[in-house]
């Protein structure tokens, strides 16, 4: 065997052994996180369906069935899941559509920034959300709303954290505890 064949053989052997070790001992999520637990927050926003202006968004929605509870009365705007939260984090939800209309561009979407404060296992959310959207009847909605500090508790119902009756926009949140 010449020198280059010997080096090539060694590199191939090392590569195959590395692949074998990865297959034989896969990495688990708990190995990465060190089994640390942390809060996870789900945030969902809805808009009342035109013709359902008398519908009242409930303060709490049980059993994690938020879509079933609002079906037929509110249209879904967005949902966000954020895991491994730490005190002082900022949750940002942004979803935009740029559309040409009559020779100029229109920007539709959602932009939310929510600050996170953690007290024990509870999460306190506060911040602001902006909405620029069309409803299903093509009416333009431009809305800015302040989310006042609201405490979420792990394993509890979805909680209404913001509601604007004039525009029919509601934001819900719930918390769970899981691996970082």
C-alpha atoms as a PDB file:
ATOM      1  CA  UNK A   1       0.000   0.000   0.000  1.00  0.00           C
ATOM      2  CA  UNK A   2       1.351   3.402  -0.890  1.00  0.00           C
ATOM      3  CA  UNK A   3       1.220   6.427   1.418  1.00  0.00           C
ATOM      4  CA  UNK A   4      -1.970   7.978  -0.129  1.00  0.00           C
ATOM      5  CA  UNK A   5      -3.894   4.723  -0.107  1.00  0.00           C
ATOM      6  CA  UNK A   6      -3.036   4.276   3.580  1.00  0.00           C
ATOM      7  CA  UNK A   7      -4.246   7.823   4.446  1.00  0.00           C
ATOM      8  CA  UNK A   8      -7.436   7.329   2.419  1.00  0.00           C
ATOM      9  CA  UNK A   9      -8.089   4.023   4.210  1.00  0.00           C
ATOM     10  CA  UNK A  10      -7.674   5.683   7.636  1.00  0.00           C
ATOM     11  CA  UNK A  11     -10.003   8.582   6.754  1.00  0.00           C
ATOM     12  CA  UNK A  12     -12.658   6.171   5.474  1.00  0.00           C
ATOM     13  CA  UNK A  13     -12.346   4.042   8.628  1.00  0.00           C
ATOM     14  CA  UNK A  14     -12.702   7.098  10.916  1.00  0.00           C
ATOM     15  CA  UNK A  15     -15.731   8.350   8.949  1.00  0.00           C
ATOM     16  CA  UNK A  16     -17.467   4.958   9.114  1.00  0.00           C
ATOM     17  CA  UNK A  17     -16.778   4.653  12.854  1.00  0.00           C
ATOM     18  CA  UNK A  18     -18.216   8.162  13.420  1.00  0.00           C
ATOM     19  CA  UNK A  19     -21.409   7.254  11.531  1.00  0.00           C
ATOM     20  CA  UNK A  20     -21.691   4.010  13.522  1.00  0.00           C
ATOM     21  CA  UNK A  21     -21.338   5.888  16.822  1.00  0.00           C
ATOM     22  CA  UNK A  22     -24.056   8.367  15.817  1.00  0.00           C
ATOM     23  CA  UNK A  23     -26.418   5.544  14.871  1.00  0.00           C
ATOM     24  CA  UNK A  24     -25.590   3.450  17.937  1.00  0.00           C
ATOM     25  CA  UNK A  25     -26.084   6.324  20.421  1.00  0.00           C
ATOM     26  CA  UNK A  26     -28.584   8.885  19.089  1.00  0.00           C
ATOM     27  CA  UNK A  27     -28.845  12.246  20.839  1.00  0.00           C
ATOM     28  CA  UNK A  28     -32.073  12.808  22.770  1.00  0.00           C
ATOM     29  CA  UNK A  29     -33.722  16.181  23.425  1.00  0.00           C
ATOM     30  CA  UNK A  30     -33.145  15.823  27.153  1.00  0.00           C
ATOM     31  CA  UNK A  31     -29.422  15.413  26.470  1.00  0.00           C
ATOM     32  CA  UNK A  32     -29.346  18.819  24.777  1.00  0.00           C
ATOM     33  CA  UNK A  33     -31.438  20.673  27.368  1.00  0.00           C
ATOM     34  CA  UNK A  34     -29.968  18.960  30.392  1.00  0.00           C
ATOM     35  CA  UNK A  35     -33.571  18.044  31.333  1.00  0.00           C
ATOM     36  CA  UNK A  36     -34.247  21.646  32.380  1.00  0.00           C
ATOM     37  CA  UNK A  37     -37.870  22.659  32.391  1.00  0.00           C
ATOM     38  CA  UNK A  38     -39.158  26.019  31.249  1.00  0.00           C
ATOM     39  CA  UNK A  39     -42.460  27.681  30.356  1.00  0.00           C
ATOM     40  CA  UNK A  40     -43.902  27.431  26.869  1.00  0.00           C
ATOM     41  CA  UNK A  41     -46.540  29.925  25.698  1.00  0.00           C
ATOM     42  CA  UNK A  42     -49.135  29.596  22.937  1.00  0.00           C
ATOM     43  CA  UNK A  43     -50.683  32.770  21.517  1.00  0.00           C
ATOM     44  CA  UNK A  44     -53.651  32.882  19.123  1.00  0.00           C
ATOM     45  CA  UNK A  45     -55.539  35.806  17.578  1.00  0.00           C
ATOM     46  CA  UNK A  46     -59.035  35.854  16.102  1.00  0.00           C
ATOM     47  CA  UNK A  47     -61.376  38.304  14.405  1.00  0.00           C
ATOM     48  CA  UNK A  48     -65.174  38.202  14.627  1.00  0.00           C
ATOM     49  CA  UNK A  49     -66.908  36.967  11.508  1.00  0.00           C
ATOM     50  CA  UNK A  50     -69.009  39.660   9.816  1.00  0.00           C
ATOM     51  CA  UNK A  51     -72.615  39.112  10.841  1.00  0.00           C
ATOM     52  CA  UNK A  52     -71.605  37.746  14.264  1.00  0.00           C
ATOM     53  CA  UNK A  53     -71.039  41.134  15.906  1.00  0.00           C
ATOM     54  CA  UNK A  54     -73.139  40.048  18.920  1.00  0.00           C
ATOM     55  CA  UNK A  55     -70.793  37.129  19.655  1.00  0.00           C
ATOM     56  CA  UNK A  56     -68.924  37.589  22.937  1.00  0.00           C
ATOM     57  CA  UNK A  57     -65.425  36.115  23.141  1.00  0.00           C
ATOM     58  CA  UNK A  58     -65.250  33.981  26.306  1.00  0.00           C
ATOM     59  CA  UNK A  59     -62.730  34.993  29.003  1.00  0.00           C
ATOM     60  CA  UNK A  60     -61.516  31.362  29.257  1.00  0.00           C
ATOM     61  CA  UNK A  61     -61.579  28.451  26.816  1.00  0.00           C
ATOM     62  CA  UNK A  62     -61.210  25.027  28.414  1.00  0.00           C
ATOM     63  CA  UNK A  63     -59.703  21.772  27.220  1.00  0.00           C
ATOM     64  CA  UNK A  64     -57.299  23.373  24.721  1.00  0.00           C
ATOM     65  CA  UNK A  65     -60.153  23.397  22.180  1.00  0.00           C
ATOM     66  CA  UNK A  66     -59.805  27.017  21.109  1.00  0.00           C
ATOM     67  CA  UNK A  67     -60.715  26.420  17.454  1.00  0.00           C
ATOM     68  CA  UNK A  68     -63.835  24.400  18.318  1.00  0.00           C
ATOM     69  CA  UNK A  69     -64.976  26.990  20.856  1.00  0.00           C
ATOM     70  CA  UNK A  70     -64.798  29.853  18.343  1.00  0.00           C
ATOM     71  CA  UNK A  71     -65.832  27.995  15.170  1.00  0.00           C
ATOM     72  CA  UNK A  72     -68.412  29.871  13.121  1.00  0.00           C
ATOM     73  CA  UNK A  73     -68.056  33.030  15.214  1.00  0.00           C
ATOM     74  CA  UNK A  74     -64.461  34.116  14.662  1.00  0.00           C
ATOM     75  CA  UNK A  75     -61.885  33.712  11.935  1.00  0.00           C
ATOM     76  CA  UNK A  76     -58.369  32.620  12.782  1.00  0.00           C
ATOM     77  CA  UNK A  77     -55.607  35.240  12.302  1.00  0.00           C
ATOM     78  CA  UNK A  78     -52.481  33.551  13.712  1.00  0.00           C
ATOM     79  CA  UNK A  79     -51.129  31.078  16.248  1.00  0.00           C
ATOM     80  CA  UNK A  80     -47.641  31.051  17.744  1.00  0.00           C
ATOM     81  CA  UNK A  81     -45.867  28.564  20.027  1.00  0.00           C
ATOM     82  CA  UNK A  82     -42.766  29.676  21.918  1.00  0.00           C
ATOM     83  CA  UNK A  83     -40.832  27.243  24.102  1.00  0.00           C
ATOM     84  CA  UNK A  84     -38.042  27.508  26.642  1.00  0.00           C
ATOM     85  CA  UNK A  85     -38.926  31.024  27.764  1.00  0.00           C
ATOM     86  CA  UNK A  86     -36.744  32.953  30.186  1.00  0.00           C
ATOM     87  CA  UNK A  87     -37.498  36.059  32.245  1.00  0.00           C
ATOM     88  CA  UNK A  88     -37.013  39.171  30.100  1.00  0.00           C
ATOM     89  CA  UNK A  89     -37.614  37.472  26.726  1.00  0.00           C
ATOM     90  CA  UNK A  90     -39.629  39.234  24.013  1.00  0.00           C
ATOM     91  CA  UNK A  91     -42.026  37.174  21.890  1.00  0.00           C
ATOM     92  CA  UNK A  92     -42.355  38.625  18.399  1.00  0.00           C
ATOM     93  CA  UNK A  93     -45.095  37.522  16.019  1.00  0.00           C
ATOM     94  CA  UNK A  94     -44.868  39.000  12.547  1.00  0.00           C
ATOM     95  CA  UNK A  95     -46.704  37.961   9.425  1.00  0.00           C
ATOM     96  CA  UNK A  96     -46.942  40.297   6.430  1.00  0.00           C
ATOM     97  CA  UNK A  97     -48.285  40.248   2.891  1.00  0.00           C
ATOM     98  CA  UNK A  98     -47.246  42.909   0.378  1.00  0.00           C
ATOM     99  CA  UNK A  99     -49.806  43.265  -2.417  1.00  0.00           C
ATOM    100  CA  UNK A 100     -49.965  45.495  -5.495  1.00  0.00           C
ATOM    101  CA  UNK A 101     -53.255  47.332  -5.900  1.00  0.00           C
ATOM    102  CA  UNK A 102     -53.965  49.992  -8.546  1.00  0.00           C
ATOM    103  CA  UNK A 103     -50.292  50.772  -9.117  1.00  0.00           C
ATOM    104  CA  UNK A 104     -49.224  50.998  -5.474  1.00  0.00           C
ATOM    105  CA  UNK A 105     -48.411  48.480  -2.764  1.00  0.00           C
ATOM    106  CA  UNK A 106     -50.505  47.650   0.267  1.00  0.00           C
ATOM    107  CA  UNK A 107     -49.055  45.929   3.317  1.00  0.00           C
ATOM    108  CA  UNK A 108     -51.339  43.621   5.293  1.00  0.00           C
ATOM    109  CA  UNK A 109     -50.342  41.692   8.367  1.00  0.00           C
ATOM    110  CA  UNK A 110     -49.764  41.348  12.075  1.00  0.00           C
ATOM    111  CA  UNK A 111     -46.908  42.621  14.193  1.00  0.00           C
ATOM    112  CA  UNK A 112     -46.863  41.814  17.937  1.00  0.00           C
ATOM    113  CA  UNK A 113     -44.173  42.241  20.569  1.00  0.00           C
ATOM    114  CA  UNK A 114     -44.938  40.753  23.978  1.00  0.00           C
ATOM    115  CA  UNK A 115     -42.562  40.960  26.927  1.00  0.00           C
ATOM    116  CA  UNK A 116     -42.175  37.934  29.185  1.00  0.00           C
ATOM    117  CA  UNK A 117     -41.815  38.096  32.943  1.00  0.00           C
ATOM    118  CA  UNK A 118     -41.518  34.816  34.834  1.00  0.00           C
ATOM    119  CA  UNK A 119     -42.550  34.514  38.484  1.00  0.00           C
ATOM    120  CA  UNK A 120     -42.105  30.910  39.659  1.00  0.00           C
ATOM    121  CA  UNK A 121     -44.066  28.826  37.159  1.00  0.00           C
ATOM    122  CA  UNK A 122     -46.316  31.713  36.091  1.00  0.00           C
ATOM    123  CA  UNK A 123     -45.697  33.816  32.986  1.00  0.00           C
ATOM    124  CA  UNK A 124     -46.759  37.459  32.745  1.00  0.00           C
ATOM    125  CA  UNK A 125     -47.252  38.786  29.190  1.00  0.00           C
ATOM    126  CA  UNK A 126     -47.586  42.448  28.206  1.00  0.00           C
ATOM    127  CA  UNK A 127     -46.991  44.387  24.994  1.00  0.00           C
ATOM    128  CA  UNK A 128     -48.515  45.681  21.810  1.00  0.00           C
ATOM    129  CA  UNK A 129     -50.013  44.230  18.632  1.00  0.00           C
ATOM    130  CA  UNK A 130     -50.734  45.940  15.321  1.00  0.00           C
ATOM    131  CA  UNK A 131     -53.140  44.535  12.738  1.00  0.00           C
ATOM    132  CA  UNK A 132     -53.597  45.704   9.161  1.00  0.00           C
ATOM    133  CA  UNK A 133     -55.831  43.237   7.406  1.00  0.00           C
ATOM    134  CA  UNK A 134     -58.911  42.613   5.340  1.00  0.00           C
ATOM    135  CA  UNK A 135     -61.737  40.619   6.823  1.00  0.00           C
ATOM    136  CA  UNK A 136     -63.626  38.017   4.830  1.00  0.00           C
ATOM    137  CA  UNK A 137     -65.918  40.757   3.479  1.00  0.00           C
ATOM    138  CA  UNK A 138     -62.875  42.713   2.213  1.00  0.00           C
ATOM    139  CA  UNK A 139     -63.245  45.470   4.794  1.00  0.00           C
ATOM    140  CA  UNK A 140     -59.889  46.959   5.817  1.00  0.00           C
ATOM    141  CA  UNK A 141     -59.037  46.824   9.510  1.00  0.00           C
ATOM    142  CA  UNK A 142     -56.170  48.888  10.889  1.00  0.00           C
ATOM    143  CA  UNK A 143     -55.787  48.348  14.609  1.00  0.00           C
ATOM    144  CA  UNK A 144     -53.203  48.891  17.363  1.00  0.00           C
ATOM    145  CA  UNK A 145     -53.793  47.357  20.755  1.00  0.00           C
ATOM    146  CA  UNK A 146     -52.015  47.281  24.100  1.00  0.00           C
ATOM    147  CA  UNK A 147     -51.879  43.945  25.919  1.00  0.00           C
ATOM    148  CA  UNK A 148     -51.959  44.845  29.603  1.00  0.00           C
ATOM    149  CA  UNK A 149     -49.875  42.667  31.963  1.00  0.00           C
ATOM    150  CA  UNK A 150     -51.685  39.338  32.219  1.00  0.00           C
ATOM    151  CA  UNK A 151     -50.620  36.345  34.325  1.00  0.00           C
ATOM    152  CA  UNK A 152     -50.808  32.886  32.772  1.00  0.00           C
ATOM    153  CA  UNK A 153     -50.656  29.706  34.839  1.00  0.00           C
ATOM    154  CA  UNK A 154     -49.412  26.398  33.507  1.00  0.00           C
ATOM    155  CA  UNK A 155     -52.091  23.882  32.645  1.00  0.00           C
ATOM    156  CA  UNK A 156     -54.973  26.368  32.901  1.00  0.00           C
ATOM    157  CA  UNK A 157     -57.436  27.303  30.171  1.00  0.00           C
ATOM    158  CA  UNK A 158     -56.769  29.595  27.223  1.00  0.00           C
ATOM    159  CA  UNK A 159     -57.063  33.109  28.644  1.00  0.00           C
ATOM    160  CA  UNK A 160     -58.360  36.158  26.784  1.00  0.00           C
ATOM    161  CA  UNK A 161     -55.453  38.617  27.120  1.00  0.00           C
ATOM    162  CA  UNK A 162     -56.722  41.308  24.738  1.00  0.00           C
ATOM    163  CA  UNK A 163     -60.041  42.248  23.171  1.00  0.00           C
ATOM    164  CA  UNK A 164     -61.203  45.222  21.117  1.00  0.00           C
ATOM    165  CA  UNK A 165     -64.955  45.289  20.639  1.00  0.00           C
ATOM    166  CA  UNK A 166     -64.934  47.934  17.886  1.00  0.00           C
ATOM    167  CA  UNK A 167     -62.692  45.910  15.538  1.00  0.00           C
ATOM    168  CA  UNK A 168     -63.687  42.486  16.913  1.00  0.00           C
ATOM    169  CA  UNK A 169     -60.084  41.369  17.488  1.00  0.00           C
ATOM    170  CA  UNK A 170     -59.257  39.003  20.356  1.00  0.00           C
ATOM    171  CA  UNK A 171     -55.922  37.544  21.493  1.00  0.00           C
ATOM    172  CA  UNK A 172     -55.704  34.433  23.682  1.00  0.00           C
ATOM    173  CA  UNK A 173     -52.732  32.800  25.409  1.00  0.00           C
ATOM    174  CA  UNK A 174     -52.045  29.686  27.431  1.00  0.00           C
ATOM    175  CA  UNK A 175     -48.988  28.327  29.182  1.00  0.00           C
ATOM    176  CA  UNK A 176     -47.519  24.880  29.662  1.00  0.00           C
ATOM    177  CA  UNK A 177     -44.318  23.664  31.273  1.00  0.00           C
ATOM    178  CA  UNK A 178     -41.957  21.492  29.241  1.00  0.00           C
ATOM    179  CA  UNK A 179     -38.336  20.849  28.422  1.00  0.00           C
ATOM    180  CA  UNK A 180     -36.310  23.890  27.518  1.00  0.00           C
END
